[in-house]
Amino acid sequence: MLNRKARFGLLDIIVIIAVGAFAVYIFYRLKVNLKYTWNWSSVLQYIVKRNSETGRWQTNYLLHGLITTLKLSIWATVLAVIIGIIMGLFRTSKSLFLRMVGRTYVELIRNLPPLVLIFIFYFFVSDQLMLMLGVDDFVRSRAPEVQKVLVFFFDSVPLFTQFISGVLTIAIFEGAYITEIVRAGIESIERGQKEASYALGLSWFDQMRFVVMPQALKRILPPLAGQFISTIKDSSIVAAISIQELTFQGMQLATSTHYTFEVWILITIMYLVMTLVLSIGVNKLELRMQVSD
């Protein structure tokens, strides 16, 4: 059944007026009590700037941080979905060993703060594993053209290992929650459908591919969308290991320029735009799936 079109009512108008009044009050208190002088023109130049030599516009600190945040979120989301699907299948497996592996992973990761995980993975992955595998030397020894490709898809060469550590940390952390979403989706499918597909001679893989997962996907899409949005927001924790994403750039600018409110308001808007675009996209996809029913 399709969702009914939302109507704009009196309560919506009251809420908008209340939020607007609160925002005006906050700006007034900043102006009167703190005697804060707003300087948006000086802050906006940190989004894009004109190159004095070429005369072309190029990304500056905040936009560079936004791009790094997007790359972090995309890679972490892809890896988290892969981990979540595999561990979700483990959690619903008939094998006791696989179920214990999946549950141990979920319980361990969900009960640790992400900031602790980022330091564990940074000092282990960057200082030990990456050094043992020679990843840093491999990246530095590549041709300039290859390094440009790596910078485009990942991060600058000096921060490559930190970037990988950040992606792994966010993916493993978010993957634990996606695991439970996938598990709940698989278990929500009626047992009779699984038995019917088994009676038709379908293998376990074909049951999952043709019967269980297509139906489970429609049910888990809304919570998955919320988890994807959380991935974007949780990417800010990698600022602790000096990855130059949006939050890190904001902290550096707020400290050096003292335009604290302008910088953090801009960063808030940037995060809001990213999450809203993702939310709208998932809602459109969900409506298309409802139409197909």
Protein backbone atom coordinates (compact mmCIF):
# COMPACT_ATOMS: atom_id res chain seq x y z
CA MET A 1 0.00 0.00 0.00
CA LEU A 2 1.40 3.40 -0.99
CA ASN A 3 1.97 6.07 1.59
CA ARG A 4 -0.52 8.91 1.59
CA LYS A 5 0.72 12.34 0.64
CA ALA A 6 1.54 14.40 3.72
CA ARG A 7 -0.48 17.56 4.30
CA PHE A 8 0.87 20.84 5.58
CA GLY A 9 -1.23 21.68 8.65
CA LEU A 10 -1.51 24.17 11.48
CA LEU A 11 0.81 22.19 13.75
CA ASP A 12 3.56 22.33 11.10
CA ILE A 13 3.23 26.12 10.93
CA ILE A 14 3.46 26.39 14.73
CA VAL A 15 6.59 24.21 14.83
CA ILE A 16 8.28 26.24 12.06
CA ILE A 17 7.50 29.51 13.84
CA ALA A 18 8.79 28.09 17.14
CA VAL A 19 12.06 26.90 15.57
CA GLY A 20 12.51 30.23 13.79
CA ALA A 21 11.88 32.16 17.00
CA PHE A 22 14.39 29.99 18.87
CA ALA A 23 17.03 30.61 16.19
CA VAL A 24 16.45 34.37 16.33
CA TYR A 25 16.74 34.25 20.13
CA ILE A 26 20.07 32.38 19.94
CA PHE A 27 21.50 34.88 17.45
CA TYR A 28 20.28 37.76 19.64
CA ARG A 29 21.94 36.33 22.76
CA LEU A 30 25.19 35.85 20.87
CA LYS A 31 25.08 39.43 19.63
CA VAL A 32 24.14 41.04 22.96
CA ASN A 33 25.81 38.86 25.62
CA LEU A 34 28.94 37.70 23.81
CA LYS A 35 29.14 40.74 21.54
CA TYR A 36 30.06 38.36 18.75
CA THR A 37 30.84 39.93 15.38
CA TRP A 38 29.71 37.79 12.47
CA ASN A 39 32.05 37.60 9.51
CA TRP A 40 30.60 35.25 6.91
CA SER A 41 32.55 36.72 4.01
CA SER A 42 35.86 35.68 5.59
CA VAL A 43 34.64 32.14 6.31
CA LEU A 44 33.09 31.40 2.91
CA GLN A 45 36.51 31.66 1.28
CA TYR A 46 37.48 28.44 3.09
CA ILE A 47 34.98 26.51 0.95
CA VAL A 48 36.39 27.47 -2.45
CA LYS A 49 39.12 29.90 -3.41
CA ARG A 50 40.50 31.39 -6.61
CA ASN A 51 44.03 30.39 -7.53
CA SER A 52 46.05 33.59 -7.90
CA GLU A 53 48.31 32.04 -10.56
CA THR A 54 45.79 30.27 -12.81
CA GLY A 55 42.72 32.33 -11.95
CA ARG A 56 40.66 29.15 -11.53
CA TRP A 57 38.45 28.22 -8.61
CA GLN A 58 39.64 25.29 -6.50
CA THR A 59 38.56 23.49 -3.36
CA ASN A 60 39.64 24.91 -0.04
CA TYR A 61 39.78 23.40 3.46
CA LEU A 62 36.08 22.82 4.14
CA LEU A 63 35.20 21.47 0.69
CA HIS A 64 38.30 19.29 0.77
CA GLY A 65 37.15 17.93 4.13
CA LEU A 66 33.66 17.33 2.73
CA ILE A 67 35.09 15.31 -0.18
CA THR A 68 37.23 13.25 2.21
CA THR A 69 34.18 12.59 4.40
CA LEU A 70 32.22 11.38 1.36
CA LYS A 71 35.05 9.04 0.32
CA LEU A 72 35.34 7.70 3.86
CA SER A 73 31.59 7.15 4.12
CA ILE A 74 31.25 5.46 0.71
CA TRP A 75 34.11 2.99 1.25
CA ALA A 76 33.07 2.29 4.84
CA THR A 77 29.43 1.75 3.81
CA VAL A 78 30.36 -0.71 1.05
CA LEU A 79 32.63 -2.68 3.39
CA ALA A 80 30.11 -2.52 6.26
CA VAL A 81 27.35 -3.93 4.03
CA ILE A 82 29.59 -6.82 2.97
CA ILE A 83 30.51 -7.54 6.59
CA GLY A 84 26.88 -7.17 7.70
CA ILE A 85 25.55 -9.58 5.06
CA ILE A 86 28.19 -12.22 5.82
CA MET A 87 27.75 -11.96 9.59
CA GLY A 88 23.97 -11.77 9.21
CA LEU A 89 24.07 -15.10 7.35
CA PHE A 90 26.33 -16.45 10.09
CA ARG A 91 23.79 -15.35 12.72
CA THR A 92 21.00 -17.27 10.95
CA SER A 93 23.08 -20.32 10.03
CA LYS A 94 22.30 -23.84 11.22
CA SER A 95 25.94 -24.20 12.27
CA LEU A 96 26.46 -23.46 15.98
CA PHE A 97 30.07 -22.38 15.30
CA LEU A 98 29.03 -19.79 12.70
CA ARG A 99 26.26 -18.47 14.95
CA MET A 100 28.76 -18.06 17.79
CA VAL A 101 31.22 -16.25 15.49
CA GLY A 102 28.49 -13.83 14.39
CA ARG A 103 27.22 -13.22 17.90
CA THR A 104 30.72 -12.72 19.33
CA TYR A 105 31.45 -10.11 16.66
CA VAL A 106 28.18 -8.24 17.27
CA GLU A 107 28.42 -8.25 21.06
CA LEU A 108 32.08 -7.27 21.09
CA ILE A 109 31.80 -4.38 18.64
CA ARG A 110 28.47 -2.98 19.85
CA ASN A 111 29.74 -2.76 23.43
CA LEU A 112 32.93 -0.85 22.60
CA PRO A 113 32.98 2.92 21.96
CA PRO A 114 34.06 3.81 18.40
CA LEU A 115 36.79 6.17 19.66
CA VAL A 116 38.49 3.24 21.42
CA LEU A 117 38.21 1.18 18.22
CA ILE A 118 39.77 3.92 16.11
CA PHE A 119 42.87 4.03 18.32
CA ILE A 120 43.13 0.23 18.42
CA PHE A 121 42.94 -0.04 14.65
CA TYR A 122 45.19 2.95 14.09
CA PHE A 123 48.03 1.66 16.26
CA PHE A 124 47.60 -1.95 15.12
CA VAL A 125 46.66 -1.60 11.45
CA SER A 126 48.78 1.47 10.63
CA ASP A 127 51.82 0.76 12.80
CA GLN A 128 51.90 -3.04 12.56
CA LEU A 129 49.82 -4.64 9.80
CA MET A 130 50.34 -1.96 7.14
CA LEU A 131 54.07 -1.85 7.92
CA MET A 132 54.31 -5.65 7.72
CA LEU A 133 52.47 -5.72 4.38
CA GLY A 134 54.53 -2.84 3.04
CA VAL A 135 51.47 -0.86 1.97
CA ASP A 136 53.02 2.52 2.68
CA ASP A 137 56.19 1.72 0.71
CA PHE A 138 54.11 0.24 -2.11
CA VAL A 139 52.01 3.42 -2.44
CA ARG A 140 55.03 5.73 -2.29
CA SER A 141 56.88 3.72 -4.95
CA ARG A 142 54.06 3.96 -7.50
CA ALA A 143 54.23 6.20 -10.56
CA PRO A 144 52.79 9.72 -10.23
CA GLU A 145 49.80 8.75 -12.41
CA VAL A 146 48.95 5.83 -10.10
CA GLN A 147 49.33 8.04 -7.05
CA LYS A 148 46.88 10.51 -8.56
CA VAL A 149 44.32 7.72 -8.94
CA LEU A 150 44.86 6.65 -5.32
CA VAL A 151 44.46 10.23 -4.14
CA PHE A 152 41.24 10.56 -6.16
CA PHE A 153 39.65 7.43 -4.70
CA PHE A 154 41.24 7.48 -1.23
CA ASP A 155 43.45 10.18 0.28
CA SER A 156 46.86 11.78 -0.09
CA VAL A 157 49.87 9.47 0.02
CA PRO A 158 51.13 10.58 3.48
CA LEU A 159 47.66 9.90 4.95
CA PHE A 160 46.90 6.72 2.98
CA THR A 161 47.39 4.26 5.87
CA GLN A 162 45.41 6.47 8.27
CA PHE A 163 42.60 6.62 5.72
CA ILE A 164 42.51 2.81 5.41
CA SER A 165 42.53 2.50 9.21
CA GLY A 166 39.60 4.91 9.42
CA VAL A 167 37.62 3.04 6.75
CA LEU A 168 38.19 -0.31 8.48
CA THR A 169 37.22 1.05 11.88
CA ILE A 170 33.99 2.68 10.69
CA ALA A 171 33.08 -0.38 8.56
CA ILE A 172 33.62 -2.87 11.38
CA PHE A 173 31.71 -0.68 13.83
CA GLU A 174 28.74 -0.08 11.51
CA GLY A 175 28.86 -3.67 10.23
CA ALA A 176 27.82 -4.94 13.67
CA TYR A 177 24.55 -2.98 13.48
CA ILE A 178 23.97 -3.94 9.84
CA THR A 179 24.47 -7.58 10.89
CA GLU A 180 21.51 -7.37 13.25
CA ILE A 181 19.40 -5.61 10.61
CA VAL A 182 20.15 -8.36 8.08
CA ARG A 183 19.51 -11.08 10.67
CA ALA A 184 16.14 -9.58 11.58
CA GLY A 185 15.21 -9.27 7.90
CA ILE A 186 16.05 -12.91 7.16
CA GLU A 187 14.22 -14.19 10.24
CA SER A 188 11.13 -12.12 9.36
CA ILE A 189 10.52 -14.22 6.23
CA GLU A 190 7.89 -16.86 6.89
CA ARG A 191 9.28 -20.33 7.47
CA GLY A 192 6.78 -21.81 5.01
CA GLN A 193 8.44 -19.98 2.10
CA LYS A 194 11.82 -21.43 2.98
CA GLU A 195 10.33 -24.91 3.26
CA ALA A 196 8.50 -24.51 -0.07
CA SER A 197 11.68 -23.40 -1.83
CA TYR A 198 13.53 -26.36 -0.30
CA ALA A 199 10.75 -28.72 -1.50
CA LEU A 200 11.20 -27.32 -5.03
CA GLY A 201 14.81 -28.48 -4.92
CA LEU A 202 16.46 -25.10 -4.57
CA SER A 203 19.88 -25.06 -2.95
CA TRP A 204 20.56 -22.90 0.12
CA PHE A 205 22.26 -20.30 -2.08
CA ASP A 206 19.32 -20.18 -4.51
CA GLN A 207 16.85 -19.95 -1.62
CA MET A 208 18.66 -16.90 -0.32
CA ARG A 209 19.11 -15.35 -3.78
CA PHE A 210 15.62 -15.88 -5.21
CA VAL A 211 13.27 -16.19 -2.22
CA VAL A 212 14.58 -14.84 1.08
CA MET A 213 16.82 -11.85 0.31
CA PRO A 214 14.55 -10.08 -2.24
CA GLN A 215 11.75 -9.99 0.34
CA ALA A 216 14.08 -9.24 3.25
CA LEU A 217 15.62 -6.31 1.35
CA LYS A 218 12.31 -4.46 1.23
CA ARG A 219 11.87 -4.89 4.97
CA ILE A 220 15.38 -3.89 6.00
CA LEU A 221 15.75 -0.91 3.65
CA PRO A 222 14.40 1.74 6.12
CA PRO A 223 16.70 0.71 9.02
CA LEU A 224 19.58 0.32 6.56
CA ALA A 225 19.04 3.92 5.41
CA GLY A 226 19.30 5.07 9.01
CA GLN A 227 22.53 3.11 9.41
CA PHE A 228 23.99 4.63 6.23
CA ILE A 229 23.23 8.08 7.64
CA SER A 230 24.91 7.06 10.91
CA THR A 231 27.98 6.05 8.90
CA ILE A 232 28.29 9.58 7.53
CA LYS A 233 27.97 11.09 11.00
CA ASP A 234 30.25 8.53 12.67
CA SER A 235 32.98 9.25 10.11
CA SER A 236 33.85 12.31 12.22
CA ILE A 237 35.62 10.08 14.78
CA VAL A 238 38.58 9.64 12.42
CA ALA A 239 39.50 13.27 13.15
CA ALA A 240 41.17 11.76 16.23
CA ILE A 241 43.88 10.24 14.00
CA SER A 242 44.37 13.40 11.94
CA ILE A 243 42.49 12.36 8.81
CA GLN A 244 41.58 15.65 7.19
CA GLU A 245 37.84 15.09 6.90
CA LEU A 246 35.16 17.71 7.53
CA THR A 247 35.20 17.75 11.35
CA PHE A 248 39.01 17.83 11.49
CA GLN A 249 39.15 20.76 9.07
CA GLY A 250 36.47 22.53 11.10
CA MET A 251 38.44 22.17 14.33
CA GLN A 252 41.58 23.49 12.67
CA LEU A 253 39.79 26.49 11.14
CA ALA A 254 37.83 27.35 14.28
CA THR A 255 41.07 27.36 16.28
CA SER A 256 43.14 29.36 13.79
CA THR A 257 40.56 31.91 12.62
CA HIS A 258 38.39 32.24 15.79
CA TYR A 259 35.28 32.27 13.58
CA THR A 260 33.83 29.54 15.76
CA PHE A 261 30.11 29.90 15.10
CA GLU A 262 30.41 30.55 11.36
CA VAL A 263 32.66 27.50 10.83
CA TRP A 264 30.51 25.08 12.81
CA ILE A 265 27.26 26.36 11.30
CA LEU A 266 28.72 25.75 7.82
CA ILE A 267 29.85 22.26 8.83
CA THR A 268 26.40 21.52 10.28
CA ILE A 269 24.78 22.55 6.99
CA MET A 270 27.19 20.35 5.01
CA TYR A 271 26.46 17.29 7.15
CA LEU A 272 22.75 18.04 6.95
CA VAL A 273 22.84 18.25 3.14
CA MET A 274 24.66 14.90 2.87
CA THR A 275 22.28 13.07 5.19
CA LEU A 276 19.14 14.65 3.70
CA VAL A 277 20.15 13.76 0.14
CA LEU A 278 20.76 10.16 1.22
CA SER A 279 17.48 10.03 3.12
CA ILE A 280 15.50 11.38 0.15
CA GLY A 281 17.20 8.92 -2.20
CA VAL A 282 16.35 5.95 0.00
CA ASN A 283 12.74 7.14 0.36
CA LYS A 284 12.43 7.29 -3.44
CA LEU A 285 13.82 3.77 -3.72
CA GLU A 286 11.43 2.53 -1.05
CA LEU A 287 8.45 4.04 -2.90
CA ARG A 288 9.54 2.32 -6.14
CA MET A 289 9.70 -0.99 -4.33
CA GLN A 290 6.20 -0.41 -2.96
CA VAL A 291 4.94 0.31 -6.50
CA SER A 292 6.45 -2.97 -7.70
CA ASP A 293 4.33 -4.82 -5.12
